[in-house]
Structure formats: C-alpha cells, structure tokens
C-alpha cells in the first residue's frame, strides 16, 4: 500500500466546502470565491464540476 498523498488546500477551502455541502452557498457563490478564497482545482473538488470560465 502506497503513501497517502497529502493535499494542501487554501486557508478557506474547508469553509467554502462546508457552506456548499450544507446548501448555504450555491454553485455560483462557490464560483465567485475562485481566485479570492479557493483555486479552480478546489472548485472542481468541491462541486465535482470543471471550473467554467464565465466571460
């Protein structure tokens, strides 16, 4: 069995994930947090969707 990969998240990742998982934040609100609180990769990890570039 290999070593578990340690993933470093942005400081607010858990907060955003919790808000989304509990239905307090919509997917649009999570999208707004990208670049401010979380990364595009974290957006995908939270929502299970690729980060859409809303122009």
PDB file of N, CA and C in Angstrom:
ATOM      1  N   UNK A   1       0.841  -1.169   0.000  1.00  0.00           N
ATOM      2  CA  UNK A   1       0.000   0.000   0.000  1.00  0.00           C
ATOM      3  C   UNK A   1       0.892   1.239   0.000  1.00  0.00           C
ATOM      4  N   UNK A   2       0.620   2.197  -0.919  1.00  0.00           N
ATOM      5  CA  UNK A   2       1.433   3.402  -1.037  1.00  0.00           C
ATOM      6  C   UNK A   2       1.051   4.435  -0.005  1.00  0.00           C
ATOM      7  N   UNK A   3       1.902   5.435   0.061  1.00  0.00           N
ATOM      8  CA  UNK A   3       1.634   6.528   0.995  1.00  0.00           C
ATOM      9  C   UNK A   3       0.479   7.381   0.487  1.00  0.00           C
ATOM     10  N   UNK A   4      -0.311   7.874   1.401  1.00  0.00           N
ATOM     11  CA  UNK A   4      -1.413   8.761   1.038  1.00  0.00           C
ATOM     12  C   UNK A   4      -0.841  10.092   0.591  1.00  0.00           C
ATOM     13  N   UNK A   5      -1.420  10.634  -0.468  1.00  0.00           N
ATOM     14  CA  UNK A   5      -0.986  11.923  -0.973  1.00  0.00           C
ATOM     15  C   UNK A   5      -1.573  13.019  -0.089  1.00  0.00           C
ATOM     16  N   UNK A   6      -0.723  13.890   0.400  1.00  0.00           N
ATOM     17  CA  UNK A   6      -1.176  14.998   1.227  1.00  0.00           C
ATOM     18  C   UNK A   6      -1.508  16.165   0.311  1.00  0.00           C
ATOM     19  N   UNK A   7      -2.741  16.612   0.404  1.00  0.00           N
ATOM     20  CA  UNK A   7      -3.201  17.716  -0.432  1.00  0.00           C
ATOM     21  C   UNK A   7      -3.291  18.967   0.422  1.00  0.00           C
ATOM     22  N   UNK A   8      -2.627  20.016  -0.025  1.00  0.00           N
ATOM     23  CA  UNK A   8      -2.692  21.295   0.678  1.00  0.00           C
ATOM     24  C   UNK A   8      -3.797  22.121   0.044  1.00  0.00           C
ATOM     25  N   UNK A   9      -4.668  22.642   0.865  1.00  0.00           N
ATOM     26  CA  UNK A   9      -5.773  23.456   0.385  1.00  0.00           C
ATOM     27  C   UNK A   9      -5.570  24.911   0.805  1.00  0.00           C
ATOM     28  N   UNK A  10      -6.299  25.775   0.123  1.00  0.00           N
ATOM     29  CA  UNK A  10      -6.336  27.181   0.501  1.00  0.00           C
ATOM     30  C   UNK A  10      -6.884  27.296   1.925  1.00  0.00           C
ATOM     31  N   UNK A  11      -6.521  28.370   2.626  1.00  0.00           N
ATOM     32  CA  UNK A  11      -6.980  28.514   4.014  1.00  0.00           C
ATOM     33  C   UNK A  11      -8.502  28.445   4.190  1.00  0.00           C
ATOM     34  N   UNK A  12      -9.267  28.888   3.206  1.00  0.00           N
ATOM     35  CA  UNK A  12     -10.731  28.902   3.337  1.00  0.00           C
ATOM     36  C   UNK A  12     -11.427  27.744   2.630  1.00  0.00           C
ATOM     37  N   UNK A  13     -10.666  26.770   2.137  1.00  0.00           N
ATOM     38  CA  UNK A  13     -11.257  25.644   1.407  1.00  0.00           C
ATOM     39  C   UNK A  13     -12.332  24.938   2.230  1.00  0.00           C
ATOM     40  N   UNK A  14     -12.016  24.560   3.445  1.00  0.00           N
ATOM     41  CA  UNK A  14     -12.963  23.801   4.280  1.00  0.00           C
ATOM     42  C   UNK A  14     -14.229  24.604   4.545  1.00  0.00           C
ATOM     43  N   UNK A  15     -14.085  25.913   4.735  1.00  0.00           N
ATOM     44  CA  UNK A  15     -15.239  26.777   4.982  1.00  0.00           C
ATOM     45  C   UNK A  15     -16.155  26.793   3.753  1.00  0.00           C
ATOM     46  N   UNK A  16     -15.568  27.008   2.567  1.00  0.00           N
ATOM     47  CA  UNK A  16     -16.358  27.051   1.334  1.00  0.00           C
ATOM     48  C   UNK A  16     -17.023  25.698   1.097  1.00  0.00           C
ATOM     49  N   UNK A  17     -16.267  24.606   1.271  1.00  0.00           N
ATOM     50  CA  UNK A  17     -16.807  23.259   1.070  1.00  0.00           C
ATOM     51  C   UNK A  17     -17.971  22.999   2.021  1.00  0.00           C
ATOM     52  N   UNK A  18     -17.816  23.375   3.265  1.00  0.00           N
ATOM     53  CA  UNK A  18     -18.874  23.179   4.253  1.00  0.00           C
ATOM     54  C   UNK A  18     -20.128  23.975   3.879  1.00  0.00           C
ATOM     55  N   UNK A  19     -19.952  25.233   3.501  1.00  0.00           N
ATOM     56  CA  UNK A  19     -21.097  26.066   3.110  1.00  0.00           C
ATOM     57  C   UNK A  19     -21.828  25.444   1.921  1.00  0.00           C
ATOM     58  N   UNK A  20     -21.071  24.966   0.937  1.00  0.00           N
ATOM     59  CA  UNK A  20     -21.675  24.366  -0.253  1.00  0.00           C
ATOM     60  C   UNK A  20     -22.367  23.044   0.099  1.00  0.00           C
ATOM     61  N   UNK A  21     -21.679  22.202   0.837  1.00  0.00           N
ATOM     62  CA  UNK A  21     -22.239  20.894   1.205  1.00  0.00           C
ATOM     63  C   UNK A  21     -23.525  21.027   2.027  1.00  0.00           C
ATOM     64  N   UNK A  22     -23.612  22.055   2.849  1.00  0.00           N
ATOM     65  CA  UNK A  22     -24.801  22.253   3.678  1.00  0.00           C
ATOM     66  C   UNK A  22     -25.894  23.043   2.965  1.00  0.00           C
ATOM     67  N   UNK A  23     -25.631  23.436   1.713  1.00  0.00           N
ATOM     68  CA  UNK A  23     -26.638  24.157   0.942  1.00  0.00           C
ATOM     69  C   UNK A  23     -26.738  25.634   1.269  1.00  0.00           C
ATOM     70  N   UNK A  24     -25.767  26.142   2.008  1.00  0.00           N
ATOM     71  CA  UNK A  24     -25.777  27.560   2.354  1.00  0.00           C
ATOM     72  C   UNK A  24     -25.267  28.414   1.198  1.00  0.00           C
ATOM     73  N   UNK A  25     -24.420  27.835   0.360  1.00  0.00           N
ATOM     74  CA  UNK A  25     -23.890  28.520  -0.817  1.00  0.00           C
ATOM     75  C   UNK A  25     -24.316  27.772  -2.068  1.00  0.00           C
ATOM     76  N   UNK A  26     -24.667  28.526  -3.114  1.00  0.00           N
ATOM     77  CA  UNK A  26     -24.957  27.948  -4.426  1.00  0.00           C
ATOM     78  C   UNK A  26     -23.647  27.722  -5.164  1.00  0.00           C
ATOM     79  N   UNK A  27     -23.734  27.017  -6.272  1.00  0.00           N
ATOM     80  CA  UNK A  27     -22.551  26.794  -7.096  1.00  0.00           C
ATOM     81  C   UNK A  27     -22.023  28.127  -7.641  1.00  0.00           C
ATOM     82  N   UNK A  28     -22.912  29.075  -7.889  1.00  0.00           N
ATOM     83  CA  UNK A  28     -22.481  30.399  -8.349  1.00  0.00           C
ATOM     84  C   UNK A  28     -21.676  31.132  -7.276  1.00  0.00           C
ATOM     85  N   UNK A  29     -22.062  30.947  -6.045  1.00  0.00           N
ATOM     86  CA  UNK A  29     -21.317  31.578  -4.942  1.00  0.00           C
ATOM     87  C   UNK A  29     -19.930  30.955  -4.828  1.00  0.00           C
ATOM     88  N   UNK A  30     -19.840  29.640  -5.007  1.00  0.00           N
ATOM     89  CA  UNK A  30     -18.535  28.975  -4.985  1.00  0.00           C
ATOM     90  C   UNK A  30     -17.686  29.491  -6.149  1.00  0.00           C
ATOM     91  N   UNK A  31     -18.317  29.666  -7.306  1.00  0.00           N
ATOM     92  CA  UNK A  31     -17.611  30.195  -8.482  1.00  0.00           C
ATOM     93  C   UNK A  31     -17.017  31.565  -8.167  1.00  0.00           C
ATOM     94  N   UNK A  32     -17.773  32.390  -7.475  1.00  0.00           N
ATOM     95  CA  UNK A  32     -17.312  33.732  -7.110  1.00  0.00           C
ATOM     96  C   UNK A  32     -16.115  33.681  -6.161  1.00  0.00           C
ATOM     97  N   UNK A  33     -16.010  32.627  -5.376  1.00  0.00           N
ATOM     98  CA  UNK A  33     -14.911  32.502  -4.414  1.00  0.00           C
ATOM     99  C   UNK A  33     -13.584  32.131  -5.066  1.00  0.00           C
ATOM    100  N   UNK A  34     -13.636  31.638  -6.312  1.00  0.00           N
ATOM    101  CA  UNK A  34     -12.403  31.243  -7.010  1.00  0.00           C
ATOM    102  C   UNK A  34     -11.544  32.481  -7.242  1.00  0.00           C
ATOM    103  N   UNK A  35     -10.273  32.368  -6.898  1.00  0.00           N
ATOM    104  CA  UNK A  35      -9.341  33.475  -7.049  1.00  0.00           C
ATOM    105  C   UNK A  35      -9.279  34.370  -5.822  1.00  0.00           C
ATOM    106  N   UNK A  36     -10.297  34.233  -4.967  1.00  0.00           N
ATOM    107  CA  UNK A  36     -10.320  35.021  -3.734  1.00  0.00           C
ATOM    108  C   UNK A  36     -10.082  34.115  -2.526  1.00  0.00           C
ATOM    109  N   UNK A  37     -10.848  33.029  -2.471  1.00  0.00           N
ATOM    110  CA  UNK A  37     -10.772  32.119  -1.330  1.00  0.00           C
ATOM    111  C   UNK A  37     -10.263  30.739  -1.712  1.00  0.00           C
ATOM    112  N   UNK A  38     -10.563  30.282  -2.936  1.00  0.00           N
ATOM    113  CA  UNK A  38     -10.177  28.935  -3.373  1.00  0.00           C
ATOM    114  C   UNK A  38      -9.615  28.995  -4.790  1.00  0.00           C
ATOM    115  N   UNK A  39      -9.034  27.881  -5.218  1.00  0.00           N
ATOM    116  CA  UNK A  39      -8.490  27.776  -6.571  1.00  0.00           C
ATOM    117  C   UNK A  39      -9.505  27.100  -7.491  1.00  0.00           C
ATOM    118  N   UNK A  40      -9.207  27.125  -8.795  1.00  0.00           N
ATOM    119  CA  UNK A  40     -10.066  26.440  -9.760  1.00  0.00           C
ATOM    120  C   UNK A  40     -10.108  24.936  -9.485  1.00  0.00           C
ATOM    121  N   UNK A  41      -8.973  24.353  -9.111  1.00  0.00           N
ATOM    122  CA  UNK A  41      -8.930  22.918  -8.797  1.00  0.00           C
ATOM    123  C   UNK A  41      -9.788  22.611  -7.569  1.00  0.00           C
ATOM    124  N   UNK A  42      -9.769  23.493  -6.593  1.00  0.00           N
ATOM    125  CA  UNK A  42     -10.592  23.300  -5.397  1.00  0.00           C
ATOM    126  C   UNK A  42     -12.077  23.445  -5.727  1.00  0.00           C
ATOM    127  N   UNK A  43     -12.409  24.325  -6.672  1.00  0.00           N
ATOM    128  CA  UNK A  43     -13.791  24.453  -7.147  1.00  0.00           C
ATOM    129  C   UNK A  43     -14.274  23.101  -7.646  1.00  0.00           C
ATOM    130  N   UNK A  44     -13.456  22.445  -8.463  1.00  0.00           N
ATOM    131  CA  UNK A  44     -13.832  21.131  -9.001  1.00  0.00           C
ATOM    132  C   UNK A  44     -13.948  20.098  -7.881  1.00  0.00           C
ATOM    133  N   UNK A  45     -13.042  20.150  -6.929  1.00  0.00           N
ATOM    134  CA  UNK A  45     -13.082  19.210  -5.808  1.00  0.00           C
ATOM    135  C   UNK A  45     -14.363  19.396  -4.980  1.00  0.00           C
ATOM    136  N   UNK A  46     -14.785  20.622  -4.804  1.00  0.00           N
ATOM    137  CA  UNK A  46     -15.976  20.916  -4.011  1.00  0.00           C
ATOM    138  C   UNK A  46     -17.254  20.576  -4.772  1.00  0.00           C
ATOM    139  N   UNK A  47     -17.343  21.017  -6.036  1.00  0.00           N
ATOM    140  CA  UNK A  47     -18.597  20.908  -6.792  1.00  0.00           C
ATOM    141  C   UNK A  47     -18.680  19.670  -7.679  1.00  0.00           C
ATOM    142  N   UNK A  48     -17.529  19.062  -7.971  1.00  0.00           N
ATOM    143  CA  UNK A  48     -17.400  17.932  -8.895  1.00  0.00           C
ATOM    144  C   UNK A  48     -17.619  18.336 -10.356  1.00  0.00           C
ATOM    145  N   UNK A  49     -17.601  19.645 -10.617  1.00  0.00           N
ATOM    146  CA  UNK A  49     -17.716  20.163 -11.977  1.00  0.00           C
ATOM    147  C   UNK A  49     -16.441  20.905 -12.346  1.00  0.00           C
ATOM    148  N   UNK A  50     -16.084  20.866 -13.638  1.00  0.00           N
ATOM    149  CA  UNK A  50     -14.962  21.674 -14.103  1.00  0.00           C
ATOM    150  C   UNK A  50     -15.298  23.132 -13.884  1.00  0.00           C
ATOM    151  N   UNK A  51     -14.266  23.926 -13.611  1.00  0.00           N
ATOM    152  CA  UNK A  51     -14.474  25.356 -13.412  1.00  0.00           C
ATOM    153  C   UNK A  51     -14.827  26.020 -14.735  1.00  0.00           C
ATOM    154  N   UNK A  52     -16.016  26.615 -14.823  1.00  0.00           N
ATOM    155  CA  UNK A  52     -16.391  27.291 -16.076  1.00  0.00           C
ATOM    156  C   UNK A  52     -15.847  28.714 -16.090  1.00  0.00           C
ATOM    157  N   UNK A  53     -15.274  29.093 -17.192  1.00  0.00           N
ATOM    158  CA  UNK A  53     -14.801  30.475 -17.321  1.00  0.00           C
ATOM    159  C   UNK A  53     -15.967  31.314 -17.805  1.00  0.00           C
ATOM    160  N   UNK A  54     -16.634  31.950 -16.868  1.00  0.00           N
ATOM    161  CA  UNK A  54     -17.777  32.809 -17.209  1.00  0.00           C
ATOM    162  C   UNK A  54     -17.225  34.139 -17.674  1.00  0.00           C
ATOM    163  N   UNK A  55     -17.376  34.414 -18.969  1.00  0.00           N
ATOM    164  CA  UNK A  55     -16.821  35.637 -19.522  1.00  0.00           C
ATOM    165  C   UNK A  55     -17.668  36.756 -19.317  1.00  0.00           C
TER     166      UNK A  55
END
